[in-house]
Amino acid sequence: MRRQFVERKGKLQDMDRSFDLKFWQLQPPKARFDASWELVVHYMKVKGFDVRQLRLQRSITHFQRPQR
């Protein structure tokens, strides 16, 4: 449950992105990630993809010290 909210009123053509940038910079990383992922899921649904197949891409690398 959100306890605070921020709003800005004005004409759309008079607004710049400063409000958006400040808002998202104040959010914790998890909130930013969740909002980004929500946009990805929404985009994929609109394009007709199966969103159950979505996942983060992972790269796995194995590091091993040379044998002496």
N, C-alpha and C. Protein backbone atom coordinates (compact mmCIF):
# COMPACT_ATOMS: atom_id res chain seq x y z
N MET A 1 0.83 -1.18 0.00
CA MET A 1 0.00 0.00 0.00
C MET A 1 0.88 1.25 0.00
N ARG A 2 0.65 2.11 -0.94
CA ARG A 2 1.44 3.33 -1.02
C ARG A 2 0.93 4.35 0.00
N ARG A 3 1.84 4.96 0.69
CA ARG A 3 1.47 5.96 1.67
C ARG A 3 1.68 7.36 1.13
N GLN A 4 2.51 7.48 0.12
CA GLN A 4 2.79 8.78 -0.45
C GLN A 4 2.57 8.71 -1.95
N PHE A 5 2.22 9.82 -2.51
CA PHE A 5 2.21 9.91 -3.95
C PHE A 5 2.60 11.33 -4.32
N VAL A 6 3.07 11.45 -5.53
CA VAL A 6 3.56 12.73 -6.02
C VAL A 6 2.80 13.04 -7.30
N GLU A 7 2.42 14.27 -7.44
CA GLU A 7 1.73 14.65 -8.67
C GLU A 7 2.23 16.00 -9.14
N ARG A 8 2.00 16.25 -10.39
CA ARG A 8 2.37 17.51 -11.01
C ARG A 8 1.25 17.90 -11.95
N LYS A 9 0.83 19.12 -11.84
CA LYS A 9 -0.26 19.60 -12.68
C LYS A 9 0.27 20.63 -13.66
N GLY A 10 -0.31 20.65 -14.83
CA GLY A 10 0.07 21.63 -15.83
C GLY A 10 -0.32 21.16 -17.21
N LYS A 11 -0.05 21.98 -18.19
CA LYS A 11 -0.33 21.60 -19.57
C LYS A 11 0.75 20.66 -20.06
N LEU A 12 0.33 19.64 -20.77
CA LEU A 12 1.25 18.62 -21.25
C LEU A 12 2.36 19.22 -22.10
N GLN A 13 2.02 20.16 -22.97
CA GLN A 13 3.02 20.73 -23.86
C GLN A 13 4.04 21.61 -23.11
N ASP A 14 3.72 22.02 -21.87
CA ASP A 14 4.64 22.86 -21.09
C ASP A 14 5.55 22.05 -20.18
N MET A 15 5.33 20.75 -20.09
CA MET A 15 6.12 19.93 -19.15
C MET A 15 7.34 19.33 -19.83
N ASP A 16 8.40 19.23 -19.05
CA ASP A 16 9.59 18.54 -19.53
C ASP A 16 9.71 17.23 -18.73
N ARG A 17 10.81 16.54 -18.88
CA ARG A 17 10.96 15.23 -18.23
C ARG A 17 11.57 15.32 -16.84
N SER A 18 11.85 16.52 -16.34
CA SER A 18 12.52 16.67 -15.05
C SER A 18 11.73 16.01 -13.91
N PHE A 19 10.41 16.14 -13.95
CA PHE A 19 9.58 15.53 -12.91
C PHE A 19 9.73 14.01 -12.94
N ASP A 20 9.66 13.42 -14.13
CA ASP A 20 9.79 11.96 -14.25
C ASP A 20 11.16 11.48 -13.78
N LEU A 21 12.19 12.18 -14.19
CA LEU A 21 13.54 11.79 -13.79
C LEU A 21 13.71 11.85 -12.28
N LYS A 22 13.25 12.92 -11.68
CA LYS A 22 13.37 13.06 -10.23
C LYS A 22 12.57 11.97 -9.53
N PHE A 23 11.36 11.70 -9.99
CA PHE A 23 10.52 10.66 -9.39
C PHE A 23 11.23 9.31 -9.41
N TRP A 24 11.72 8.89 -10.58
CA TRP A 24 12.33 7.56 -10.68
C TRP A 24 13.66 7.47 -9.96
N GLN A 25 14.38 8.58 -9.85
CA GLN A 25 15.63 8.56 -9.10
C GLN A 25 15.38 8.40 -7.60
N LEU A 26 14.22 8.81 -7.13
CA LEU A 26 13.88 8.65 -5.72
C LEU A 26 13.39 7.25 -5.39
N GLN A 27 13.07 6.45 -6.40
CA GLN A 27 12.55 5.10 -6.18
C GLN A 27 13.69 4.13 -5.91
N PRO A 28 13.46 3.14 -5.07
CA PRO A 28 14.49 2.11 -4.84
C PRO A 28 14.65 1.25 -6.10
N PRO A 29 15.81 0.60 -6.22
CA PRO A 29 16.06 -0.22 -7.41
C PRO A 29 14.97 -1.26 -7.69
N LYS A 30 14.42 -1.89 -6.66
CA LYS A 30 13.39 -2.91 -6.88
C LYS A 30 12.16 -2.29 -7.54
N ALA A 31 11.76 -1.11 -7.13
CA ALA A 31 10.60 -0.46 -7.73
C ALA A 31 10.86 -0.14 -9.19
N ARG A 32 12.06 0.29 -9.51
CA ARG A 32 12.41 0.59 -10.91
C ARG A 32 12.40 -0.68 -11.74
N PHE A 33 12.99 -1.74 -11.19
CA PHE A 33 13.01 -3.01 -11.92
C PHE A 33 11.60 -3.53 -12.15
N ASP A 34 10.77 -3.49 -11.11
CA ASP A 34 9.39 -3.99 -11.23
C ASP A 34 8.62 -3.20 -12.29
N ALA A 35 8.79 -1.89 -12.31
CA ALA A 35 8.09 -1.06 -13.30
C ALA A 35 8.59 -1.38 -14.71
N SER A 36 9.89 -1.58 -14.85
CA SER A 36 10.45 -1.92 -16.17
C SER A 36 9.93 -3.27 -16.65
N TRP A 37 9.92 -4.25 -15.75
CA TRP A 37 9.45 -5.59 -16.11
C TRP A 37 7.97 -5.55 -16.49
N GLU A 38 7.19 -4.74 -15.78
CA GLU A 38 5.78 -4.60 -16.09
C GLU A 38 5.59 -4.07 -17.52
N LEU A 39 6.43 -3.13 -17.92
CA LEU A 39 6.36 -2.61 -19.29
C LEU A 39 6.71 -3.68 -20.32
N VAL A 40 7.71 -4.49 -20.01
CA VAL A 40 8.11 -5.57 -20.92
C VAL A 40 6.95 -6.55 -21.10
N VAL A 41 6.34 -6.95 -19.98
CA VAL A 41 5.23 -7.90 -20.04
C VAL A 41 4.06 -7.30 -20.83
N HIS A 42 3.75 -6.05 -20.58
CA HIS A 42 2.66 -5.39 -21.30
C HIS A 42 2.94 -5.36 -22.81
N TYR A 43 4.16 -4.99 -23.18
CA TYR A 43 4.54 -4.94 -24.59
C TYR A 43 4.38 -6.30 -25.25
N MET A 44 4.86 -7.35 -24.57
CA MET A 44 4.80 -8.68 -25.15
C MET A 44 3.35 -9.15 -25.29
N LYS A 45 2.50 -8.80 -24.33
CA LYS A 45 1.08 -9.16 -24.44
C LYS A 45 0.44 -8.46 -25.64
N VAL A 46 0.74 -7.19 -25.81
CA VAL A 46 0.18 -6.43 -26.93
C VAL A 46 0.62 -7.02 -28.26
N LYS A 47 1.86 -7.49 -28.32
CA LYS A 47 2.39 -8.08 -29.55
C LYS A 47 1.95 -9.53 -29.75
N GLY A 48 1.25 -10.09 -28.78
CA GLY A 48 0.71 -11.43 -28.93
C GLY A 48 1.64 -12.55 -28.53
N PHE A 49 2.67 -12.27 -27.78
CA PHE A 49 3.60 -13.30 -27.34
C PHE A 49 3.11 -13.96 -26.06
N ASP A 50 3.57 -15.17 -25.81
CA ASP A 50 3.25 -15.89 -24.59
C ASP A 50 4.15 -15.37 -23.48
N VAL A 51 3.59 -14.61 -22.55
CA VAL A 51 4.41 -13.98 -21.51
C VAL A 51 4.91 -14.99 -20.48
N ARG A 52 4.35 -16.20 -20.49
CA ARG A 52 4.85 -17.22 -19.55
C ARG A 52 6.26 -17.67 -19.92
N GLN A 53 6.69 -17.37 -21.14
CA GLN A 53 8.02 -17.77 -21.58
C GLN A 53 9.08 -16.71 -21.29
N LEU A 54 8.67 -15.57 -20.78
CA LEU A 54 9.62 -14.49 -20.50
C LEU A 54 10.52 -14.83 -19.33
N ARG A 55 11.76 -14.45 -19.43
CA ARG A 55 12.71 -14.58 -18.33
C ARG A 55 13.91 -13.70 -18.63
N LEU A 56 14.68 -13.42 -17.62
CA LEU A 56 15.89 -12.64 -17.82
C LEU A 56 16.94 -13.50 -18.51
N GLN A 57 17.68 -12.89 -19.39
CA GLN A 57 18.74 -13.61 -20.07
C GLN A 57 19.92 -13.76 -19.12
N ARG A 58 20.46 -14.94 -19.07
CA ARG A 58 21.58 -15.20 -18.15
C ARG A 58 22.78 -15.68 -18.94
N SER A 59 23.93 -15.20 -18.53
CA SER A 59 25.19 -15.67 -19.10
C SER A 59 25.97 -16.34 -17.98
N ILE A 60 26.43 -17.54 -18.24
CA ILE A 60 27.18 -18.27 -17.23
C ILE A 60 28.59 -18.48 -17.74
N THR A 61 29.53 -18.11 -16.91
CA THR A 61 30.93 -18.26 -17.27
C THR A 61 31.64 -18.97 -16.13
N HIS A 62 32.52 -19.85 -16.47
CA HIS A 62 33.27 -20.59 -15.46
C HIS A 62 34.71 -20.10 -15.48
N PHE A 63 35.18 -19.67 -14.34
CA PHE A 63 36.57 -19.24 -14.22
C PHE A 63 37.31 -20.28 -13.41
N GLN A 64 38.51 -20.63 -13.91
CA GLN A 64 39.31 -21.61 -13.18
C GLN A 64 40.76 -21.16 -13.26
N ARG A 65 41.43 -21.23 -12.13
CA ARG A 65 42.86 -20.88 -12.10
C ARG A 65 43.65 -21.95 -12.83
N PRO A 66 44.70 -21.52 -13.52
CA PRO A 66 45.53 -22.52 -14.21
C PRO A 66 46.21 -23.47 -13.21
N GLN A 67 46.35 -24.73 -13.61
CA GLN A 67 47.02 -25.73 -12.78
C GLN A 67 48.51 -25.40 -12.73
N ARG A 68 49.11 -25.54 -11.56
CA ARG A 68 50.55 -25.27 -11.42
C ARG A 68 51.34 -26.53 -11.41
